[in-house]
Amino acid sequence: MRRNALLSALAVATSLSCIGGAAAKPLAFTGIRLIDGLSAEPVADAVLVVDGDRIVAAGPRMAVAVPSDAEIRERPGHTIMPGLISDHSHVGIVRGVDVGARNYTRETILAQLEAYTARGVTTIMALGLNGAIMPEIRAEAHAGLIPGADLFGVDRGIGVPDGGPPQAMVRVSPDQLFRPANADEGRDAVRAMKARGTDMVKLWLDDFGGSVPAKMQPSVYAAVIDEAHRLGLRVAAHVHDLEDARAVVRAGVDVLAHGVRDKPVDPDFVALLKAHDTWYIPTLALDEATFAYADAPAWAQTPFVRTALAPDLKARFDDPAWQRDTRASAKAQAARASLATNLANLKALQTAGVRIGFGTDSGAAPERVPGVAEHRELALMVQAGFTPMEALTIATARAADLLGLADRGRLEAGRRADFVVLAADPSEDIAASTRIVEVWQRGRPQAVAPSAAP
């Protein structure tokens, strides 16, 4: 079975390499507006030259020498930007409206990776709850043997016995999550994750609004962080509340995987983040998704979104009874309050110079739709007070920096040819990020979702 899967992947890769994207001669996209992840403003009348899976030149037309044998592709009025990079997503947890371990299959994960790329997300970090097949699929994605987003991943992740993440919510199997009872078991879990090649360590600290009886004890998360750092691994923490975030940053965590959503951040916390150089991933779209589809906003009715929904999920979102019950639920009211706090805190932290990453927790619940959530995150960042260019830079260049990826996130010579061609200018209107005409990954064209607008 394993041999057949690899042969199938190789066949796909071979067929992809025969499409125009990995042509024998260079490609030059000319007359474009270039958002390169480096400049504060788009570069007008620009050129992007791709040879194989790499960018060989990018910049103003007058500054770029186009190879004499290049195939010229005029794209006047179009914008080219780096592929989006999610620092916090999940795979293999959800299928339609179903959540559980039975979805952690090769078929489900590959479909999700393609769903991401179809909407311009070319790299993702699956931040925990991963099963035994993760290393295999990750290796194939890194090698370009399968279509869809490149995949990085936390192995299982480290939760709490009878605590977070709530089993009733994630429904994972024992081989998808560690739940150490003490510091020694926490260190053992980190060593096991290191042995399987995890890209990072994830821990769940909080009690999910009191819905579970216990938080992770300080002795456990301190041991996890210490052991991870001893082994050269960074640690991301699931948090919700300010005091939990403060405690785990003091313990040396490298990444806060969610924004602080219970109260305004204070100057001491801001100073703590800066002193520890901690990354902060706000995941604004997480709380919005809890209630937004029940509100049926215009953006949720576009082809870009509707074609991303499995039939049973679409039926749920369209059900008036579900919409009514969701809008009235305590969960939705709490999510609205959390989002408002998160928006304000994010802007305060950005103004203070805290390092901001990009992620949505997409794929962890049915309503957190892969590829859609990332564009909602961009829109919400702008709602928080970011300029569109600031949001786009975080979702590309800064997101790559958080993952330690020096080969992507910016469009310049020597980097991977992972980019998105848009019909309009997202630096003027962030909603234009959904007007996708083409997606290229490693110099190969990918299937593209229907645009949100003509």
Protein backbone atom coordinates (compact mmCIF):
# COMPACT_ATOMS: atom_id res chain seq x y z
CA MET A 1 0.00 0.00 0.00
CA ARG A 2 2.83 2.38 0.92
CA ARG A 3 4.63 1.64 -2.38
CA ASN A 4 1.44 2.28 -4.36
CA ALA A 5 0.90 5.58 -2.58
CA LEU A 6 4.41 6.71 -3.42
CA LEU A 7 4.05 5.64 -7.04
CA SER A 8 0.80 7.58 -7.23
CA ALA A 9 2.47 10.65 -5.75
CA LEU A 10 5.35 10.36 -8.20
CA ALA A 11 2.89 10.13 -11.08
CA VAL A 12 1.17 13.29 -9.91
CA ALA A 13 4.50 15.09 -9.57
CA THR A 14 5.56 13.97 -13.03
CA SER A 15 2.33 15.11 -14.60
CA LEU A 16 2.58 18.47 -12.81
CA SER A 17 6.12 18.99 -14.09
CA CYS A 18 4.85 18.59 -17.63
CA ILE A 19 2.42 21.51 -17.23
CA GLY A 20 3.65 24.95 -18.24
CA GLY A 21 4.60 25.88 -14.65
CA ALA A 22 7.85 23.89 -14.59
CA ALA A 23 8.74 24.68 -18.19
CA ALA A 24 12.21 24.05 -19.62
CA LYS A 25 12.62 27.76 -20.24
CA PRO A 26 12.13 30.69 -17.84
CA LEU A 27 8.80 32.45 -17.41
CA ALA A 28 8.57 36.24 -17.16
CA PHE A 29 5.42 37.78 -15.72
CA THR A 30 5.44 41.39 -16.93
CA GLY A 31 3.39 44.53 -16.42
CA ILE A 32 2.44 43.42 -12.93
CA ARG A 33 1.95 45.13 -9.61
CA LEU A 34 4.41 43.37 -7.29
CA ILE A 35 3.91 42.87 -3.56
CA ASP A 36 7.21 41.26 -2.72
CA GLY A 37 7.12 40.94 1.09
CA LEU A 38 10.11 43.30 1.27
CA SER A 39 8.79 46.71 0.23
CA ALA A 40 6.44 48.96 2.18
CA GLU A 41 4.43 49.63 -0.98
CA PRO A 42 3.66 47.61 -4.14
CA VAL A 43 6.11 47.95 -7.02
CA ALA A 44 4.33 49.23 -10.11
CA ASP A 45 5.05 48.01 -13.66
CA ALA A 46 7.14 45.17 -12.31
CA VAL A 47 8.52 41.89 -13.63
CA LEU A 48 8.80 38.49 -11.96
CA VAL A 49 11.07 35.92 -13.59
CA VAL A 50 10.78 32.25 -12.65
CA ASP A 51 13.07 29.43 -13.75
CA GLY A 52 12.03 25.97 -12.60
CA ASP A 53 11.03 26.11 -8.95
CA ARG A 54 12.91 29.32 -8.16
CA ILE A 55 12.59 33.05 -8.64
CA VAL A 56 15.55 34.44 -10.56
CA ALA A 57 14.55 38.12 -10.61
CA ALA A 58 11.81 40.42 -9.33
CA GLY A 59 11.43 44.18 -9.38
CA PRO A 60 10.67 47.22 -11.55
CA ARG A 61 10.67 46.56 -15.28
CA MET A 62 13.65 48.86 -15.85
CA ALA A 63 15.72 47.01 -13.23
CA VAL A 64 15.06 43.41 -14.30
CA ALA A 65 16.87 41.74 -17.17
CA VAL A 66 14.47 39.26 -18.78
CA PRO A 67 16.29 36.21 -20.22
CA SER A 68 16.21 36.17 -24.00
CA ASP A 69 14.68 32.71 -24.05
CA ALA A 70 11.97 33.48 -21.49
CA GLU A 71 8.29 32.91 -22.19
CA ILE A 72 6.63 36.29 -21.65
CA ARG A 73 3.31 36.35 -19.80
CA GLU A 74 1.81 39.84 -19.80
CA ARG A 75 -0.39 40.45 -16.74
CA PRO A 76 -1.39 44.13 -16.90
CA GLY A 77 -3.65 45.17 -14.04
CA HIS A 78 -2.78 42.07 -12.04
CA THR A 79 -0.99 41.85 -8.70
CA ILE A 80 1.51 39.15 -7.78
CA MET A 81 2.23 38.49 -4.12
CA PRO A 82 3.88 35.67 -2.15
CA GLY A 83 1.77 32.67 -1.22
CA LEU A 84 0.17 33.00 2.19
CA ILE A 85 1.78 31.07 5.05
CA SER A 86 -0.23 29.83 8.03
CA ASP A 87 1.71 29.42 11.26
CA HIS A 88 -1.25 27.78 12.99
CA SER A 89 -3.56 25.35 11.20
CA HIS A 90 -4.54 21.69 11.52
CA VAL A 91 -5.07 18.77 9.16
CA GLY A 92 -6.93 15.48 9.39
CA ILE A 93 -9.28 16.50 12.20
CA VAL A 94 -12.39 17.57 10.27
CA ARG A 95 -14.27 16.12 7.35
CA GLY A 96 -17.42 18.06 6.53
CA VAL A 97 -19.15 18.48 9.89
CA ASP A 98 -17.53 15.39 11.40
CA VAL A 99 -14.66 15.76 13.88
CA GLY A 100 -12.52 12.89 15.09
CA ALA A 101 -9.62 10.49 14.73
CA ARG A 102 -11.26 8.62 11.86
CA ASN A 103 -10.58 11.67 9.67
CA TYR A 104 -6.83 11.47 10.13
CA THR A 105 -6.30 9.77 6.77
CA ARG A 106 -4.08 10.38 3.80
CA GLU A 107 -7.12 11.13 1.64
CA THR A 108 -8.46 13.80 3.98
CA ILE A 109 -5.10 15.48 4.53
CA LEU A 110 -4.22 15.63 0.83
CA ALA A 111 -7.64 17.13 0.04
CA GLN A 112 -7.10 19.77 2.70
CA LEU A 113 -3.63 20.64 1.44
CA GLU A 114 -5.09 21.19 -2.03
CA ALA A 115 -7.93 23.28 -0.55
CA TYR A 116 -5.37 25.57 1.03
CA THR A 117 -3.38 26.07 -2.14
CA ALA A 118 -6.52 26.64 -4.22
CA ARG A 119 -7.08 29.75 -2.11
CA GLY A 120 -3.51 31.01 -2.13
CA VAL A 121 -2.12 29.40 1.05
CA THR A 122 1.05 27.64 -0.07
CA THR A 123 2.58 26.62 3.28
CA ILE A 124 0.98 25.57 6.57
CA MET A 125 2.10 24.48 10.02
CA ALA A 126 -0.20 21.75 11.40
CA LEU A 127 0.14 22.79 15.02
CA GLY A 128 -0.50 19.53 16.87
CA LEU A 129 -2.95 16.62 17.04
CA ASN A 130 -1.09 14.76 14.31
CA GLY A 131 -1.00 11.00 13.83
CA ALA A 132 1.55 8.47 12.67
CA ILE A 133 1.27 9.31 8.96
CA MET A 134 2.31 12.95 9.42
CA PRO A 135 6.07 12.41 8.81
CA GLU A 136 5.38 10.50 5.60
CA ILE A 137 3.05 13.12 4.11
CA ARG A 138 5.25 15.98 5.29
CA ALA A 139 8.27 14.43 3.53
CA GLU A 140 6.31 14.03 0.30
CA ALA A 141 5.07 17.62 0.51
CA HIS A 142 8.61 18.94 1.09
CA ALA A 143 9.84 16.94 -1.90
CA GLY A 144 7.07 18.25 -4.15
CA LEU A 145 5.67 14.76 -4.71
CA ILE A 146 2.09 15.74 -3.89
CA PRO A 147 0.00 18.75 -4.91
CA GLY A 148 -1.18 21.26 -2.34
CA ALA A 149 0.33 23.33 0.44
CA ASP A 150 3.76 22.47 1.79
CA LEU A 151 3.32 20.89 5.21
CA PHE A 152 5.16 21.40 8.46
CA GLY A 153 3.94 19.97 11.71
CA VAL A 154 4.02 19.59 15.43
CA ASP A 155 3.92 15.87 16.16
CA ARG A 156 1.20 15.06 18.70
CA GLY A 157 1.40 18.00 21.07
CA ILE A 158 1.11 18.02 24.85
CA GLY A 159 -2.18 18.43 26.69
CA VAL A 160 -3.52 17.87 30.20
CA PRO A 161 -5.06 14.74 31.75
CA ASP A 162 -8.81 15.45 31.97
CA GLY A 163 -8.04 18.91 30.63
CA GLY A 164 -7.21 20.75 27.44
CA PRO A 165 -7.66 20.22 24.65
CA PRO A 166 -11.08 18.78 25.59
CA GLN A 167 -11.44 15.28 24.19
CA ALA A 168 -15.13 15.98 23.58
CA MET A 169 -14.03 18.74 21.22
CA VAL A 170 -11.09 17.23 19.32
CA ARG A 171 -11.95 13.50 19.59
CA VAL A 172 -8.42 12.42 18.77
CA SER A 173 -6.90 8.99 19.30
CA PRO A 174 -4.18 8.36 21.92
CA ASP A 175 -1.46 8.46 19.26
CA GLN A 176 -2.40 12.08 18.40
CA LEU A 177 -1.83 13.68 21.80
CA PHE A 178 0.29 13.33 24.93
CA ARG A 179 -1.29 14.10 28.31
CA PRO A 180 1.59 13.94 30.82
CA ALA A 181 0.65 13.83 34.50
CA ASN A 182 3.94 15.28 35.76
CA ALA A 183 7.16 16.98 34.72
CA ASP A 184 9.03 13.75 33.97
CA GLU A 185 6.26 12.54 31.66
CA GLY A 186 6.31 15.96 29.99
CA ARG A 187 10.03 15.59 29.26
CA ASP A 188 9.43 12.07 27.93
CA ALA A 189 6.77 13.42 25.59
CA VAL A 190 9.13 16.05 24.22
CA ARG A 191 11.83 13.45 23.61
CA ALA A 192 9.35 11.22 21.78
CA MET A 193 8.29 14.12 19.57
CA LYS A 194 11.91 14.98 18.83
CA ALA A 195 12.58 11.37 17.81
CA ARG A 196 9.78 11.57 15.24
CA GLY A 197 11.16 14.78 13.75
CA THR A 198 8.63 17.30 15.02
CA ASP A 199 9.10 20.84 13.71
CA MET A 200 7.99 22.40 16.99
CA VAL A 201 6.43 21.48 20.34
CA LYS A 202 2.85 22.50 21.16
CA LEU A 203 1.27 22.61 24.59
CA TRP A 204 -2.27 23.38 25.70
CA LEU A 205 -2.26 25.41 28.89
CA ASP A 206 -5.72 26.78 29.67
CA ASP A 207 -8.99 25.28 30.92
CA PHE A 208 -11.12 26.36 27.93
CA GLY A 209 -13.25 28.79 29.88
CA GLY A 210 -13.68 26.41 32.80
CA SER A 211 -15.12 23.66 30.61
CA VAL A 212 -12.41 21.23 31.77
CA PRO A 213 -11.35 20.68 35.39
CA ALA A 214 -7.66 21.48 35.16
CA LYS A 215 -4.99 23.62 33.54
CA MET A 216 -1.48 22.44 32.84
CA GLN A 217 0.58 22.73 36.01
CA PRO A 218 3.54 25.16 35.97
CA SER A 219 5.94 22.32 36.78
CA VAL A 220 4.82 20.47 33.66
CA TYR A 221 4.96 23.34 31.18
CA ALA A 222 8.27 24.52 32.64
CA ALA A 223 9.71 21.03 32.12
CA VAL A 224 8.30 20.80 28.59
CA ILE A 225 9.80 24.15 27.61
CA ASP A 226 13.14 23.36 29.22
CA GLU A 227 13.42 19.94 27.57
CA ALA A 228 12.37 21.30 24.18
CA HIS A 229 14.97 24.05 24.31
CA ARG A 230 17.62 21.55 25.44
CA LEU A 231 16.83 19.53 22.30
CA GLY A 232 16.81 22.57 20.01
CA LEU A 233 13.03 22.78 19.63
CA ARG A 234 10.79 25.80 20.00
CA VAL A 235 7.49 25.69 21.90
CA ALA A 236 4.09 27.16 21.01
CA ALA A 237 1.38 27.48 23.66
CA HIS A 238 -2.39 27.43 23.36
CA VAL A 239 -3.70 30.20 25.60
CA HIS A 240 -6.78 32.39 25.94
CA ASP A 241 -6.36 34.47 29.11
CA LEU A 242 -3.83 37.16 29.93
CA GLU A 243 -2.51 35.60 33.13
CA ASP A 244 -1.90 32.23 31.48
CA ALA A 245 -0.08 33.97 28.63
CA ARG A 246 1.99 35.97 31.08
CA ALA A 247 2.98 32.84 33.03
CA VAL A 248 4.02 30.78 30.03
CA VAL A 249 6.01 33.63 28.48
CA ARG A 250 7.89 33.99 31.76
CA ALA A 251 8.61 30.26 31.53
CA GLY A 252 10.26 30.84 28.15
CA VAL A 253 7.66 29.80 25.56
CA ASP A 254 8.62 30.90 22.06
CA VAL A 255 5.20 31.38 20.46
CA LEU A 256 1.76 32.29 21.79
CA ALA A 257 -0.44 30.33 19.39
CA HIS A 258 -3.55 32.45 20.10
CA GLY A 259 -4.30 36.02 21.05
CA VAL A 260 -5.15 37.19 24.56
CA ARG A 261 -8.93 37.43 24.63
CA ASP A 262 -10.18 37.87 28.19
CA LYS A 263 -8.94 41.37 29.03
CA PRO A 264 -6.77 44.18 27.67
CA VAL A 265 -3.05 43.56 27.62
CA ASP A 266 -1.08 45.72 30.05
CA PRO A 267 2.31 47.45 29.73
CA ASP A 268 4.06 44.80 31.81
CA PHE A 269 2.85 42.03 29.47
CA VAL A 270 3.92 44.01 26.41
CA ALA A 271 7.36 44.51 27.93
CA LEU A 272 7.55 40.80 28.77
CA LEU A 273 6.80 39.77 25.18
CA LYS A 274 9.43 42.13 23.85
CA ALA A 275 12.04 41.10 26.41
CA HIS A 276 11.58 37.42 25.54
CA ASP A 277 11.20 38.12 21.79
CA THR A 278 8.03 36.01 21.85
CA TRP A 279 5.95 35.56 18.70
CA TYR A 280 2.22 36.27 18.94
CA ILE A 281 -0.32 34.61 16.61
CA PRO A 282 -3.70 36.31 17.17
CA THR A 283 -6.00 33.79 15.36
CA LEU A 284 -8.74 36.43 15.03
CA ALA A 285 -10.68 34.30 12.56
CA LEU A 286 -11.13 31.54 15.14
CA ASP A 287 -13.68 33.45 17.21
CA GLU A 288 -15.29 35.10 14.20
CA ALA A 289 -15.99 31.72 12.63
CA THR A 290 -17.88 30.66 15.77
CA PHE A 291 -20.73 33.07 14.93
CA ALA A 292 -20.14 34.60 11.49
CA TYR A 293 -21.75 31.91 9.34
CA ALA A 294 -24.92 32.19 11.43
CA ASP A 295 -24.98 35.90 10.60
CA ALA A 296 -24.73 35.04 6.86
CA PRO A 297 -22.58 38.06 5.88
CA ALA A 298 -22.06 38.90 2.22
CA TRP A 299 -18.51 37.53 2.16
CA ALA A 300 -19.80 34.10 3.22
CA GLN A 301 -22.09 33.94 0.18
CA THR A 302 -19.37 34.37 -2.43
CA PRO A 303 -18.26 31.50 -4.71
CA PHE A 304 -14.81 31.74 -3.09
CA VAL A 305 -16.33 30.63 0.22
CA ARG A 306 -19.27 28.51 -0.91
CA THR A 307 -17.11 26.22 -3.04
CA ALA A 308 -14.89 25.57 -0.02
CA LEU A 309 -17.77 24.05 1.98
CA ALA A 310 -18.54 20.35 2.06
CA PRO A 311 -22.22 19.66 1.27
CA ASP A 312 -23.12 18.84 4.87
CA LEU A 313 -21.34 21.92 6.17
CA LYS A 314 -23.08 24.09 3.58
CA ALA A 315 -26.43 22.62 4.64
CA ARG A 316 -25.65 23.42 8.28
CA PHE A 317 -24.75 27.02 7.53
CA ASP A 318 -27.92 27.45 5.43
CA ASP A 319 -30.26 26.00 8.05
CA PRO A 320 -32.37 28.82 9.60
CA ALA A 321 -32.79 26.86 12.85
CA TRP A 322 -29.01 26.40 13.16
CA GLN A 323 -28.45 30.08 12.41
CA ARG A 324 -31.00 31.14 15.04
CA ASP A 325 -29.70 28.78 17.71
CA THR A 326 -26.07 29.71 17.04
CA ARG A 327 -26.71 33.44 17.21
CA ALA A 328 -28.49 33.01 20.54
CA SER A 329 -25.92 30.68 22.08
CA ALA A 330 -23.67 31.60 24.97
CA LYS A 331 -20.73 30.30 22.93
CA ALA A 332 -21.40 32.81 20.15
CA GLN A 333 -21.77 35.69 22.60
CA ALA A 334 -18.49 34.76 24.27
CA ALA A 335 -16.80 34.56 20.86
CA ARG A 336 -18.01 38.05 19.92
CA ALA A 337 -16.56 39.43 23.13
CA SER A 338 -13.30 37.51 22.66
CA LEU A 339 -12.92 38.81 19.12
CA ALA A 340 -13.44 42.42 20.19
CA THR A 341 -10.78 42.07 22.89
CA ASN A 342 -8.43 40.25 20.52
CA LEU A 343 -8.72 42.99 17.89
CA ALA A 344 -7.86 45.72 20.37
CA ASN A 345 -4.99 43.76 21.91
CA LEU A 346 -3.50 42.94 18.55
CA LYS A 347 -3.33 46.57 17.49
CA ALA A 348 -1.78 47.54 20.83
CA LEU A 349 0.88 44.86 20.48
CA GLN A 350 1.66 45.78 16.89
CA THR A 351 2.06 49.43 17.87
CA ALA A 352 4.44 48.37 20.63
CA GLY A 353 6.61 46.39 18.21
CA VAL A 354 5.77 42.83 19.30
CA ARG A 355 6.50 40.16 16.69
CA ILE A 356 3.21 39.14 15.05
CA GLY A 357 2.69 35.84 13.22
CA PHE A 358 -0.17 34.64 11.03
CA GLY A 359 -2.56 31.78 11.66
CA THR A 360 -6.21 30.96 12.15
CA ASP A 361 -6.54 27.50 13.75
CA SER A 362 -8.15 26.50 10.45
CA GLY A 363 -8.97 22.83 10.15
CA ALA A 364 -9.52 22.38 13.90
CA ALA A 365 -13.32 22.72 13.71
CA PRO A 366 -15.81 22.56 10.82
CA GLU A 367 -16.43 26.31 10.72
CA ARG A 368 -12.70 27.11 10.53
CA VAL A 369 -12.55 26.44 6.81
CA PRO A 370 -9.07 25.83 5.30
CA GLY A 371 -8.14 28.59 2.87
CA VAL A 372 -11.14 30.74 3.75
CA ALA A 373 -10.12 31.45 7.34
CA GLU A 374 -6.80 32.89 6.19
CA HIS A 375 -8.48 35.57 4.06
CA ARG A 376 -10.83 36.39 6.92
CA GLU A 377 -7.76 36.80 9.14
CA LEU A 378 -6.38 39.37 6.70
CA ALA A 379 -9.69 41.28 6.70
CA LEU A 380 -9.87 41.21 10.49
CA MET A 381 -6.30 42.48 10.84
CA VAL A 382 -7.28 45.46 8.71
CA GLN A 383 -10.38 45.89 10.87
CA ALA A 384 -8.04 45.96 13.88
CA GLY A 385 -6.20 48.94 12.37
CA PHE A 386 -3.45 47.42 10.25
CA THR A 387 -2.92 48.71 6.74
CA PRO A 388 -3.52 46.08 4.06
CA MET A 389 0.21 46.02 3.31
CA GLU A 390 1.03 45.43 6.97
CA ALA A 391 -1.39 42.52 7.10
CA LEU A 392 -0.06 41.03 3.87
CA THR A 393 3.55 41.31 5.02
CA ILE A 394 2.70 39.48 8.25
CA ALA A 395 0.87 36.75 6.33
CA THR A 396 3.85 36.14 4.05
CA ALA A 397 7.29 37.40 5.10
CA ARG A 398 6.72 37.47 8.87
CA ALA A 399 4.90 34.14 8.86
CA ALA A 400 7.92 32.59 7.13
CA ASP A 401 10.20 34.17 9.71
CA LEU A 402 8.21 32.65 12.57
CA LEU A 403 8.67 29.19 11.05
CA GLY A 404 12.34 29.82 10.36
CA LEU A 405 11.84 29.44 6.61
CA ALA A 406 14.36 31.52 4.68
CA ASP A 407 13.34 30.17 1.26
CA ARG A 408 9.82 31.62 0.97
CA GLY A 409 7.52 34.42 2.05
CA ARG A 410 9.27 37.03 -0.11
CA LEU A 411 9.56 37.34 -3.88
CA GLU A 412 13.23 37.82 -4.67
CA ALA A 413 16.00 35.97 -6.47
CA GLY A 414 16.81 32.56 -5.04
CA ARG A 415 13.55 31.96 -3.17
CA ARG A 416 10.88 29.41 -3.98
CA ALA A 417 8.45 30.34 -6.72
CA ASP A 418 5.39 30.27 -4.42
CA PHE A 419 3.14 33.13 -5.46
CA VAL A 420 -0.43 34.21 -6.14
CA VAL A 421 -1.70 36.22 -9.11
CA LEU A 422 -4.64 38.47 -8.23
CA ALA A 423 -7.05 40.36 -10.49
CA ALA A 424 -6.94 43.46 -8.29
CA ASP A 425 -4.83 45.27 -5.71
CA PRO A 426 -5.11 44.01 -2.11
CA SER A 427 -2.97 46.90 -0.89
CA GLU A 428 -5.92 49.17 -1.71
CA ASP A 429 -8.70 46.77 -0.65
CA ILE A 430 -7.82 43.68 1.34
CA ALA A 431 -10.89 41.90 -0.05
CA ALA A 432 -8.98 41.69 -3.33
CA SER A 433 -6.87 38.93 -1.75
CA THR A 434 -9.70 36.54 -2.72
CA ARG A 435 -9.71 37.58 -6.38
CA ILE A 436 -7.27 34.82 -7.27
CA VAL A 437 -6.43 34.22 -10.92
CA GLU A 438 -3.49 31.84 -10.54
CA VAL A 439 -1.58 30.09 -7.76
CA TRP A 440 1.98 28.88 -8.35
CA GLN A 441 3.91 26.63 -6.01
CA ARG A 442 7.53 25.64 -6.61
CA GLY A 443 7.08 27.08 -10.10
CA ARG A 444 4.07 24.88 -10.86
CA PRO A 445 0.50 26.08 -11.46
CA GLN A 446 -2.08 24.80 -8.98
CA ALA A 447 -5.83 24.39 -9.20
CA VAL A 448 -7.57 27.62 -8.20
CA ALA A 449 -10.86 28.22 -6.37
CA PRO A 450 -13.54 30.41 -7.99
CA SER A 451 -12.90 34.08 -7.28
CA ALA A 452 -14.99 36.08 -4.85
CA ALA A 453 -15.64 38.64 -7.58
CA PRO A 454 -15.18 38.89 -11.36
